[in-house]
Amino acid sequence: MTQKIKITKERLHTLEFKASIQVHQHPDINNQLNKALKLGNTHKRKVNIIFQDDESIKTMNTTIWAYGTKYVCFKGGVWIPKSRLIEIEF
């Protein structure tokens, strides 16, 4: 398995998502997003987000504040492309 680099949410704004990278998403990623959003907004509970930036696979423990068809929003108004999500661990 590919090693995941652990980052903090404070470093998220320094990552780049410019390259055209195809990631293999968990087949139930939309349900994972719904569950993570409810846990974060209702219970203030964090989840592990696994995603890929332009350099490598990263993991981050945080809450999801919102998401749409193309992006996921985290605290501080930082967004990443939804297409770069791999999996959410609870």
PDB file of N, CA and C in Angstrom:
ATOM      1  N   MET A   1       0.834  -1.185   0.000  1.00  0.00           N
ATOM      2  CA  MET A   1       0.000   0.000   0.000  1.00  0.00           C
ATOM      3  C   MET A   1       0.877   1.246   0.000  1.00  0.00           C
ATOM      4  N   THR A   2       0.436   2.272  -0.694  1.00  0.00           N
ATOM      5  CA  THR A   2       1.158   3.527  -0.769  1.00  0.00           C
ATOM      6  C   THR A   2       1.144   4.227   0.576  1.00  0.00           C
ATOM      7  N   GLN A   3       2.304   4.755   0.963  1.00  0.00           N
ATOM      8  CA  GLN A   3       2.398   5.455   2.234  1.00  0.00           C
ATOM      9  C   GLN A   3       1.658   6.786   2.152  1.00  0.00           C
ATOM     10  N   LYS A   4       0.922   7.102   3.197  1.00  0.00           N
ATOM     11  CA  LYS A   4       0.180   8.354   3.285  1.00  0.00           C
ATOM     12  C   LYS A   4       0.962   9.330   4.155  1.00  0.00           C
ATOM     13  N   ILE A   5       1.036  10.569   3.713  1.00  0.00           N
ATOM     14  CA  ILE A   5       1.707  11.611   4.478  1.00  0.00           C
ATOM     15  C   ILE A   5       0.658  12.341   5.307  1.00  0.00           C
ATOM     16  N   LYS A   6       0.876  12.357   6.615  1.00  0.00           N
ATOM     17  CA  LYS A   6      -0.060  13.012   7.528  1.00  0.00           C
ATOM     18  C   LYS A   6       0.225  14.512   7.539  1.00  0.00           C
ATOM     19  N   ILE A   7      -0.842  15.302   7.356  1.00  0.00           N
ATOM     20  CA  ILE A   7      -0.694  16.755   7.411  1.00  0.00           C
ATOM     21  C   ILE A   7      -1.730  17.331   8.369  1.00  0.00           C
ATOM     22  N   THR A   8      -1.504  18.562   8.753  1.00  0.00           N
ATOM     23  CA  THR A   8      -2.476  19.282   9.580  1.00  0.00           C
ATOM     24  C   THR A   8      -3.335  20.154   8.673  1.00  0.00           C
ATOM     25  N   LYS A   9      -4.511  20.512   9.147  1.00  0.00           N
ATOM     26  CA  LYS A   9      -5.405  21.356   8.339  1.00  0.00           C
ATOM     27  C   LYS A   9      -4.789  22.729   8.091  1.00  0.00           C
ATOM     28  N   GLU A  10      -3.873  23.159   8.950  1.00  0.00           N
ATOM     29  CA  GLU A  10      -3.210  24.450   8.761  1.00  0.00           C
ATOM     30  C   GLU A  10      -2.285  24.450   7.538  1.00  0.00           C
ATOM     31  N   ARG A  11      -1.846  23.283   7.102  1.00  0.00           N
ATOM     32  CA  ARG A  11      -0.970  23.183   5.922  1.00  0.00           C
ATOM     33  C   ARG A  11      -1.745  22.979   4.629  1.00  0.00           C
ATOM     34  N   LEU A  12      -3.039  22.735   4.727  1.00  0.00           N
ATOM     35  CA  LEU A  12      -3.840  22.403   3.554  1.00  0.00           C
ATOM     36  C   LEU A  12      -3.759  23.481   2.472  1.00  0.00           C
ATOM     37  N   HIS A  13      -3.746  24.748   2.871  1.00  0.00           N
ATOM     38  CA  HIS A  13      -3.720  25.839   1.892  1.00  0.00           C
ATOM     39  C   HIS A  13      -2.417  25.889   1.083  1.00  0.00           C
ATOM     40  N   THR A  14      -1.382  25.172   1.512  1.00  0.00           N
ATOM     41  CA  THR A  14      -0.101  25.182   0.794  1.00  0.00           C
ATOM     42  C   THR A  14      -0.032  24.114  -0.304  1.00  0.00           C
ATOM     43  N   LEU A  15      -1.013  23.205  -0.341  1.00  0.00           N
ATOM     44  CA  LEU A  15      -0.987  22.116  -1.319  1.00  0.00           C
ATOM     45  C   LEU A  15      -1.522  22.575  -2.665  1.00  0.00           C
ATOM     46  N   GLU A  16      -1.077  21.891  -3.719  1.00  0.00           N
ATOM     47  CA  GLU A  16      -1.524  22.239  -5.065  1.00  0.00           C
ATOM     48  C   GLU A  16      -2.348  21.114  -5.672  1.00  0.00           C
ATOM     49  N   PHE A  17      -3.345  21.514  -6.452  1.00  0.00           N
ATOM     50  CA  PHE A  17      -4.250  20.584  -7.129  1.00  0.00           C
ATOM     51  C   PHE A  17      -4.410  21.009  -8.589  1.00  0.00           C
ATOM     52  N   LYS A  18      -3.293  21.277  -9.258  1.00  0.00           N
ATOM     53  CA  LYS A  18      -3.316  21.784 -10.623  1.00  0.00           C
ATOM     54  C   LYS A  18      -3.195  20.692 -11.675  1.00  0.00           C
ATOM     55  N   ALA A  19      -2.470  19.626 -11.366  1.00  0.00           N
ATOM     56  CA  ALA A  19      -2.233  18.553 -12.337  1.00  0.00           C
ATOM     57  C   ALA A  19      -3.513  17.759 -12.594  1.00  0.00           C
ATOM     58  N   SER A  20      -3.573  17.161 -13.745  1.00  0.00           N
ATOM     59  CA  SER A  20      -4.711  16.304 -14.097  1.00  0.00           C
ATOM     60  C   SER A  20      -4.412  14.893 -13.599  1.00  0.00           C
ATOM     61  N   ILE A  21      -4.897  14.593 -12.403  1.00  0.00           N
ATOM     62  CA  ILE A  21      -4.634  13.301 -11.762  1.00  0.00           C
ATOM     63  C   ILE A  21      -5.953  12.580 -11.549  1.00  0.00           C
ATOM     64  N   GLN A  22      -5.993  11.325 -11.947  1.00  0.00           N
ATOM     65  CA  GLN A  22      -7.170  10.481 -11.734  1.00  0.00           C
ATOM     66  C   GLN A  22      -6.926   9.631 -10.489  1.00  0.00           C
ATOM     67  N   VAL A  23      -7.776   9.751  -9.471  1.00  0.00           N
ATOM     68  CA  VAL A  23      -7.629   8.944  -8.261  1.00  0.00           C
ATOM     69  C   VAL A  23      -8.714   7.879  -8.216  1.00  0.00           C
ATOM     70  N   HIS A  24      -8.398   6.789  -7.554  1.00  0.00           N
ATOM     71  CA  HIS A  24      -9.372   5.706  -7.377  1.00  0.00           C
ATOM     72  C   HIS A  24     -10.133   5.980  -6.083  1.00  0.00           C
ATOM     73  N   GLN A  25     -11.360   6.459  -6.220  1.00  0.00           N
ATOM     74  CA  GLN A  25     -12.172   6.791  -5.052  1.00  0.00           C
ATOM     75  C   GLN A  25     -12.894   5.562  -4.519  1.00  0.00           C
ATOM     76  N   HIS A  26     -13.119   5.586  -3.218  1.00  0.00           N
ATOM     77  CA  HIS A  26     -13.934   4.559  -2.590  1.00  0.00           C
ATOM     78  C   HIS A  26     -15.294   4.571  -3.293  1.00  0.00           C
ATOM     79  N   PRO A  27     -15.870   3.408  -3.604  1.00  0.00           N
ATOM     80  CA  PRO A  27     -17.134   3.381  -4.339  1.00  0.00           C
ATOM     81  C   PRO A  27     -18.304   4.047  -3.607  1.00  0.00           C
ATOM     82  N   ASP A  28     -18.186   4.233  -2.317  1.00  0.00           N
ATOM     83  CA  ASP A  28     -19.260   4.831  -1.525  1.00  0.00           C
ATOM     84  C   ASP A  28     -18.870   6.226  -1.019  1.00  0.00           C
ATOM     85  N   ILE A  29     -18.036   6.948  -1.777  1.00  0.00           N
ATOM     86  CA  ILE A  29     -17.488   8.226  -1.322  1.00  0.00           C
ATOM     87  C   ILE A  29     -18.582   9.254  -1.024  1.00  0.00           C
ATOM     88  N   ASN A  30     -19.653   9.275  -1.792  1.00  0.00           N
ATOM     89  CA  ASN A  30     -20.719  10.254  -1.535  1.00  0.00           C
ATOM     90  C   ASN A  30     -21.421   9.997  -0.209  1.00  0.00           C
ATOM     91  N   ASN A  31     -21.668   8.746   0.123  1.00  0.00           N
ATOM     92  CA  ASN A  31     -22.263   8.429   1.429  1.00  0.00           C
ATOM     93  C   ASN A  31     -21.291   8.737   2.558  1.00  0.00           C
ATOM     94  N   GLN A  32     -19.992   8.510   2.315  1.00  0.00           N
ATOM     95  CA  GLN A  32     -18.982   8.854   3.317  1.00  0.00           C
ATOM     96  C   GLN A  32     -18.977  10.363   3.563  1.00  0.00           C
ATOM     97  N   LEU A  33     -19.081  11.148   2.502  1.00  0.00           N
ATOM     98  CA  LEU A  33     -19.137  12.607   2.641  1.00  0.00           C
ATOM     99  C   LEU A  33     -20.361  13.046   3.437  1.00  0.00           C
ATOM    100  N   ASN A  34     -21.502  12.473   3.135  1.00  0.00           N
ATOM    101  CA  ASN A  34     -22.729  12.816   3.876  1.00  0.00           C
ATOM    102  C   ASN A  34     -22.582  12.515   5.356  1.00  0.00           C
ATOM    103  N   LYS A  35     -22.067  11.352   5.676  1.00  0.00           N
ATOM    104  CA  LYS A  35     -21.889  10.954   7.073  1.00  0.00           C
ATOM    105  C   LYS A  35     -20.880  11.870   7.771  1.00  0.00           C
ATOM    106  N   ALA A  36     -19.761  12.167   7.103  1.00  0.00           N
ATOM    107  CA  ALA A  36     -18.731  13.029   7.687  1.00  0.00           C
ATOM    108  C   ALA A  36     -19.261  14.438   7.928  1.00  0.00           C
ATOM    109  N   LEU A  37     -20.054  14.951   7.001  1.00  0.00           N
ATOM    110  CA  LEU A  37     -20.635  16.279   7.142  1.00  0.00           C
ATOM    111  C   LEU A  37     -21.565  16.338   8.356  1.00  0.00           C
ATOM    112  N   LYS A  38     -22.407  15.333   8.510  1.00  0.00           N
ATOM    113  CA  LYS A  38     -23.317  15.280   9.662  1.00  0.00           C
ATOM    114  C   LYS A  38     -22.554  15.164  10.975  1.00  0.00           C
ATOM    115  N   LEU A  39     -21.521  14.313  10.995  1.00  0.00           N
ATOM    116  CA  LEU A  39     -20.730  14.155  12.217  1.00  0.00           C
ATOM    117  C   LEU A  39     -20.041  15.460  12.607  1.00  0.00           C
ATOM    118  N   GLY A  40     -19.523  16.164  11.625  1.00  0.00           N
ATOM    119  CA  GLY A  40     -18.815  17.413  11.900  1.00  0.00           C
ATOM    120  C   GLY A  40     -19.726  18.530  12.329  1.00  0.00           C
ATOM    121  N   ASN A  41     -20.835  18.696  11.639  1.00  0.00           N
ATOM    122  CA  ASN A  41     -21.735  19.817  11.935  1.00  0.00           C
ATOM    123  C   ASN A  41     -22.620  19.569  13.141  1.00  0.00           C
ATOM    124  N   THR A  42     -23.006  18.337  13.380  1.00  0.00           N
ATOM    125  CA  THR A  42     -23.912  18.027  14.484  1.00  0.00           C
ATOM    126  C   THR A  42     -23.175  17.663  15.767  1.00  0.00           C
ATOM    127  N   HIS A  43     -22.138  16.841  15.635  1.00  0.00           N
ATOM    128  CA  HIS A  43     -21.451  16.313  16.817  1.00  0.00           C
ATOM    129  C   HIS A  43     -20.034  16.859  17.007  1.00  0.00           C
ATOM    130  N   LYS A  44     -19.592  17.758  16.099  1.00  0.00           N
ATOM    131  CA  LYS A  44     -18.235  18.333  16.159  1.00  0.00           C
ATOM    132  C   LYS A  44     -17.168  17.239  16.164  1.00  0.00           C
ATOM    133  N   ARG A  45     -17.433  16.169  15.425  1.00  0.00           N
ATOM    134  CA  ARG A  45     -16.523  15.029  15.382  1.00  0.00           C
ATOM    135  C   ARG A  45     -15.652  15.068  14.138  1.00  0.00           C
ATOM    136  N   LYS A  46     -14.371  14.766  14.298  1.00  0.00           N
ATOM    137  CA  LYS A  46     -13.430  14.759  13.194  1.00  0.00           C
ATOM    138  C   LYS A  46     -13.361  13.379  12.540  1.00  0.00           C
ATOM    139  N   VAL A  47     -12.938  13.382  11.275  1.00  0.00           N
ATOM    140  CA  VAL A  47     -12.732  12.152  10.518  1.00  0.00           C
ATOM    141  C   VAL A  47     -11.385  12.247   9.814  1.00  0.00           C
ATOM    142  N   ASN A  48     -10.863  11.114   9.352  1.00  0.00           N
ATOM    143  CA  ASN A  48      -9.635  11.110   8.568  1.00  0.00           C
ATOM    144  C   ASN A  48      -9.995  11.188   7.091  1.00  0.00           C
ATOM    145  N   ILE A  49      -9.498  12.222   6.441  1.00  0.00           N
ATOM    146  CA  ILE A  49      -9.717  12.433   5.019  1.00  0.00           C
ATOM    147  C   ILE A  49      -8.465  11.948   4.291  1.00  0.00           C
ATOM    148  N   ILE A  50      -8.623  11.050   3.350  1.00  0.00           N
ATOM    149  CA  ILE A  50      -7.505  10.586   2.540  1.00  0.00           C
ATOM    150  C   ILE A  50      -7.707  11.150   1.137  1.00  0.00           C
ATOM    151  N   PHE A  51      -6.700  11.863   0.640  1.00  0.00           N
ATOM    152  CA  PHE A  51      -6.811  12.522  -0.652  1.00  0.00           C
ATOM    153  C   PHE A  51      -5.443  12.599  -1.322  1.00  0.00           C
ATOM    154  N   GLN A  52      -5.428  13.018  -2.567  1.00  0.00           N
ATOM    155  CA  GLN A  52      -4.171  13.147  -3.286  1.00  0.00           C
ATOM    156  C   GLN A  52      -4.035  14.564  -3.827  1.00  0.00           C
ATOM    157  N   ASP A  53      -2.906  15.199  -3.479  1.00  0.00           N
ATOM    158  CA  ASP A  53      -2.603  16.487  -4.088  1.00  0.00           C
ATOM    159  C   ASP A  53      -1.715  16.220  -5.303  1.00  0.00           C
ATOM    160  N   ASP A  54      -1.012  17.227  -5.806  1.00  0.00           N
ATOM    161  CA  ASP A  54      -0.170  17.028  -6.987  1.00  0.00           C
ATOM    162  C   ASP A  54       1.087  16.210  -6.704  1.00  0.00           C
ATOM    163  N   GLU A  55       1.449  16.028  -5.421  1.00  0.00           N
ATOM    164  CA  GLU A  55       2.683  15.334  -5.078  1.00  0.00           C
ATOM    165  C   GLU A  55       2.486  13.913  -4.572  1.00  0.00           C
ATOM    166  N   SER A  56       1.519  13.701  -3.671  1.00  0.00           N
ATOM    167  CA  SER A  56       1.400  12.387  -3.030  1.00  0.00           C
ATOM    168  C   SER A  56       0.046  12.234  -2.344  1.00  0.00           C
ATOM    169  N   ILE A  57      -0.166  11.061  -1.778  1.00  0.00           N
ATOM    170  CA  ILE A  57      -1.383  10.803  -1.011  1.00  0.00           C
ATOM    171  C   ILE A  57      -1.195  11.347   0.401  1.00  0.00           C
ATOM    172  N   LYS A  58      -2.193  12.082   0.848  1.00  0.00           N
ATOM    173  CA  LYS A  58      -2.146  12.712   2.170  1.00  0.00           C
ATOM    174  C   LYS A  58      -3.320  12.231   3.012  1.00  0.00           C
ATOM    175  N   THR A  59      -3.168  12.348   4.328  1.00  0.00           N
ATOM    176  CA  THR A  59      -4.259  12.085   5.258  1.00  0.00           C
ATOM    177  C   THR A  59      -4.312  13.239   6.255  1.00  0.00           C
ATOM    178  N   MET A  60      -5.529  13.611   6.618  1.00  0.00           N
ATOM    179  CA  MET A  60      -5.718  14.747   7.505  1.00  0.00           C
ATOM    180  C   MET A  60      -6.917  14.468   8.406  1.00  0.00           C
ATOM    181  N   ASN A  61      -6.772  14.756   9.691  1.00  0.00           N
ATOM    182  CA  ASN A  61      -7.850  14.583  10.651  1.00  0.00           C
ATOM    183  C   ASN A  61      -8.518  15.930  10.858  1.00  0.00           C
ATOM    184  N   THR A  62      -9.787  16.028  10.423  1.00  0.00           N
ATOM    185  CA  THR A  62     -10.482  17.308  10.467  1.00  0.00           C
ATOM    186  C   THR A  62     -11.978  17.103  10.338  1.00  0.00           C
ATOM    187  N   THR A  63     -12.726  18.194  10.317  1.00  0.00           N
ATOM    188  CA  THR A  63     -14.158  18.129  10.057  1.00  0.00           C
ATOM    189  C   THR A  63     -14.436  18.695   8.672  1.00  0.00           C
ATOM    190  N   ILE A  64     -15.458  18.168   8.029  1.00  0.00           N
ATOM    191  CA  ILE A  64     -15.904  18.703   6.742  1.00  0.00           C
ATOM    192  C   ILE A  64     -17.012  19.699   7.036  1.00  0.00           C
ATOM    193  N   TRP A  65     -16.852  20.919   6.560  1.00  0.00           N
ATOM    194  CA  TRP A  65     -17.858  21.957   6.810  1.00  0.00           C
ATOM    195  C   TRP A  65     -18.947  21.956   5.762  1.00  0.00           C
ATOM    196  N   ALA A  66     -18.559  21.690   4.512  1.00  0.00           N
ATOM    197  CA  ALA A  66     -19.528  21.698   3.416  1.00  0.00           C
ATOM    198  C   ALA A  66     -18.903  21.009   2.210  1.00  0.00           C
ATOM    199  N   TYR A  67     -19.761  20.622   1.267  1.00  0.00           N
ATOM    200  CA  TYR A  67     -19.247  20.123  -0.004  1.00  0.00           C
ATOM    201  C   TYR A  67     -20.311  20.303  -1.070  1.00  0.00           C
ATOM    202  N   GLY A  68     -19.848  20.354  -2.294  1.00  0.00           N
ATOM    203  CA  GLY A  68     -20.743  20.493  -3.440  1.00  0.00           C
ATOM    204  C   GLY A  68     -20.399  19.433  -4.472  1.00  0.00           C
ATOM    205  N   THR A  69     -20.731  19.699  -5.702  1.00  0.00           N
ATOM    206  CA  THR A  69     -20.474  18.714  -6.755  1.00  0.00           C
ATOM    207  C   THR A  69     -19.001  18.641  -7.129  1.00  0.00           C
ATOM    208  N   LYS A  70     -18.249  19.727  -6.899  1.00  0.00           N
ATOM    209  CA  LYS A  70     -16.850  19.744  -7.324  1.00  0.00           C
ATOM    210  C   LYS A  70     -15.828  19.944  -6.211  1.00  0.00           C
ATOM    211  N   TYR A  71     -16.234  20.513  -5.072  1.00  0.00           N
ATOM    212  CA  TYR A  71     -15.269  20.846  -4.022  1.00  0.00           C
ATOM    213  C   TYR A  71     -15.762  20.446  -2.638  1.00  0.00           C
ATOM    214  N   VAL A  72     -14.784  20.277  -1.722  1.00  0.00           N
ATOM    215  CA  VAL A  72     -15.046  20.005  -0.312  1.00  0.00           C
ATOM    216  C   VAL A  72     -14.431  21.154   0.473  1.00  0.00           C
ATOM    217  N   CYS A  73     -15.172  21.698   1.432  1.00  0.00           N
ATOM    218  CA  CYS A  73     -14.735  22.857   2.213  1.00  0.00           C
ATOM    219  C   CYS A  73     -14.385  22.446   3.642  1.00  0.00           C
ATOM    220  N   PHE A  74     -13.260  22.979   4.106  1.00  0.00           N
ATOM    221  CA  PHE A  74     -12.803  22.751   5.473  1.00  0.00           C
ATOM    222  C   PHE A  74     -12.742  24.087   6.206  1.00  0.00           C
ATOM    223  N   LYS A  75     -12.466  24.055   7.495  1.00  0.00           N
ATOM    224  CA  LYS A  75     -12.390  25.258   8.320  1.00  0.00           C
ATOM    225  C   LYS A  75     -11.432  26.275   7.690  1.00  0.00           C
ATOM    226  N   GLY A  76     -11.802  27.519   7.781  1.00  0.00           N
ATOM    227  CA  GLY A  76     -10.961  28.575   7.237  1.00  0.00           C
ATOM    228  C   GLY A  76     -11.223  28.848   5.769  1.00  0.00           C
ATOM    229  N   GLY A  77     -12.265  28.231   5.218  1.00  0.00           N
ATOM    230  CA  GLY A  77     -12.596  28.461   3.821  1.00  0.00           C
ATOM    231  C   GLY A  77     -11.644  27.828   2.831  1.00  0.00           C
ATOM    232  N   VAL A  78     -10.933  26.791   3.249  1.00  0.00           N
ATOM    233  CA  VAL A  78     -10.013  26.088   2.359  1.00  0.00           C
ATOM    234  C   VAL A  78     -10.781  24.984   1.643  1.00  0.00           C
ATOM    235  N   TRP A  79     -10.636  24.947   0.331  1.00  0.00           N
ATOM    236  CA  TRP A  79     -11.352  23.988  -0.503  1.00  0.00           C
ATOM    237  C   TRP A  79     -10.373  23.073  -1.216  1.00  0.00           C
ATOM    238  N   ILE A  80     -10.771  21.791  -1.405  1.00  0.00           N
ATOM    239  CA  ILE A  80     -10.011  20.895  -2.273  1.00  0.00           C
ATOM    240  C   ILE A  80     -10.995  20.264  -3.265  1.00  0.00           C
ATOM    241  N   PRO A  81     -10.487  19.858  -4.422  1.00  0.00           N
ATOM    242  CA  PRO A  81     -11.381  19.224  -5.399  1.00  0.00           C
ATOM    243  C   PRO A  81     -11.940  17.902  -4.866  1.00  0.00           C
ATOM    244  N   LYS A  82     -13.222  17.725  -5.008  1.00  0.00           N
ATOM    245  CA  LYS A  82     -13.874  16.486  -4.586  1.00  0.00           C
ATOM    246  C   LYS A  82     -13.299  15.292  -5.355  1.00  0.00           C
ATOM    247  N   SER A  83     -12.872  15.524  -6.583  1.00  0.00           N
ATOM    248  CA  SER A  83     -12.319  14.455  -7.410  1.00  0.00           C
ATOM    249  C   SER A  83     -10.992  13.908  -6.879  1.00  0.00           C
ATOM    250  N   ARG A  84     -10.355  14.624  -5.925  1.00  0.00           N
ATOM    251  CA  ARG A  84      -9.094  14.170  -5.347  1.00  0.00           C
ATOM    252  C   ARG A  84      -9.281  13.364  -4.054  1.00  0.00           C
ATOM    253  N   LEU A  85     -10.518  13.266  -3.568  1.00  0.00           N
ATOM    254  CA  LEU A  85     -10.778  12.440  -2.382  1.00  0.00           C
ATOM    255  C   LEU A  85     -10.621  10.969  -2.731  1.00  0.00           C
ATOM    256  N   ILE A  86     -10.015  10.228  -1.830  1.00  0.00           N
ATOM    257  CA  ILE A  86      -9.872   8.779  -2.011  1.00  0.00           C
ATOM    258  C   ILE A  86     -10.838   8.050  -1.093  1.00  0.00           C
ATOM    259  N   GLU A  87     -10.822   8.451   0.181  1.00  0.00           N
ATOM    260  CA  GLU A  87     -11.673   7.765   1.163  1.00  0.00           C
ATOM    261  C   GLU A  87     -11.773   8.612   2.421  1.00  0.00           C
ATOM    262  N   ILE A  88     -12.825   8.375   3.188  1.00  0.00           N
ATOM    263  CA  ILE A  88     -12.993   9.013   4.492  1.00  0.00           C
ATOM    264  C   ILE A  88     -13.095   7.898   5.523  1.00  0.00           C
ATOM    265  N   GLU A  89     -12.253   7.996   6.560  1.00  0.00           N
ATOM    266  CA  GLU A  89     -12.244   6.992   7.630  1.00  0.00           C
ATOM    267  C   GLU A  89     -12.888   7.575   8.874  1.00  0.00           C
ATOM    268  N   PHE A  90     -13.744   6.771   9.503  1.00  0.00           N
ATOM    269  CA  PHE A  90     -14.478   7.216  10.690  1.00  0.00           C
ATOM    270  C   PHE A  90     -13.906   6.612  11.945  1.00  0.00           C
TER     271      PHE A  90
END
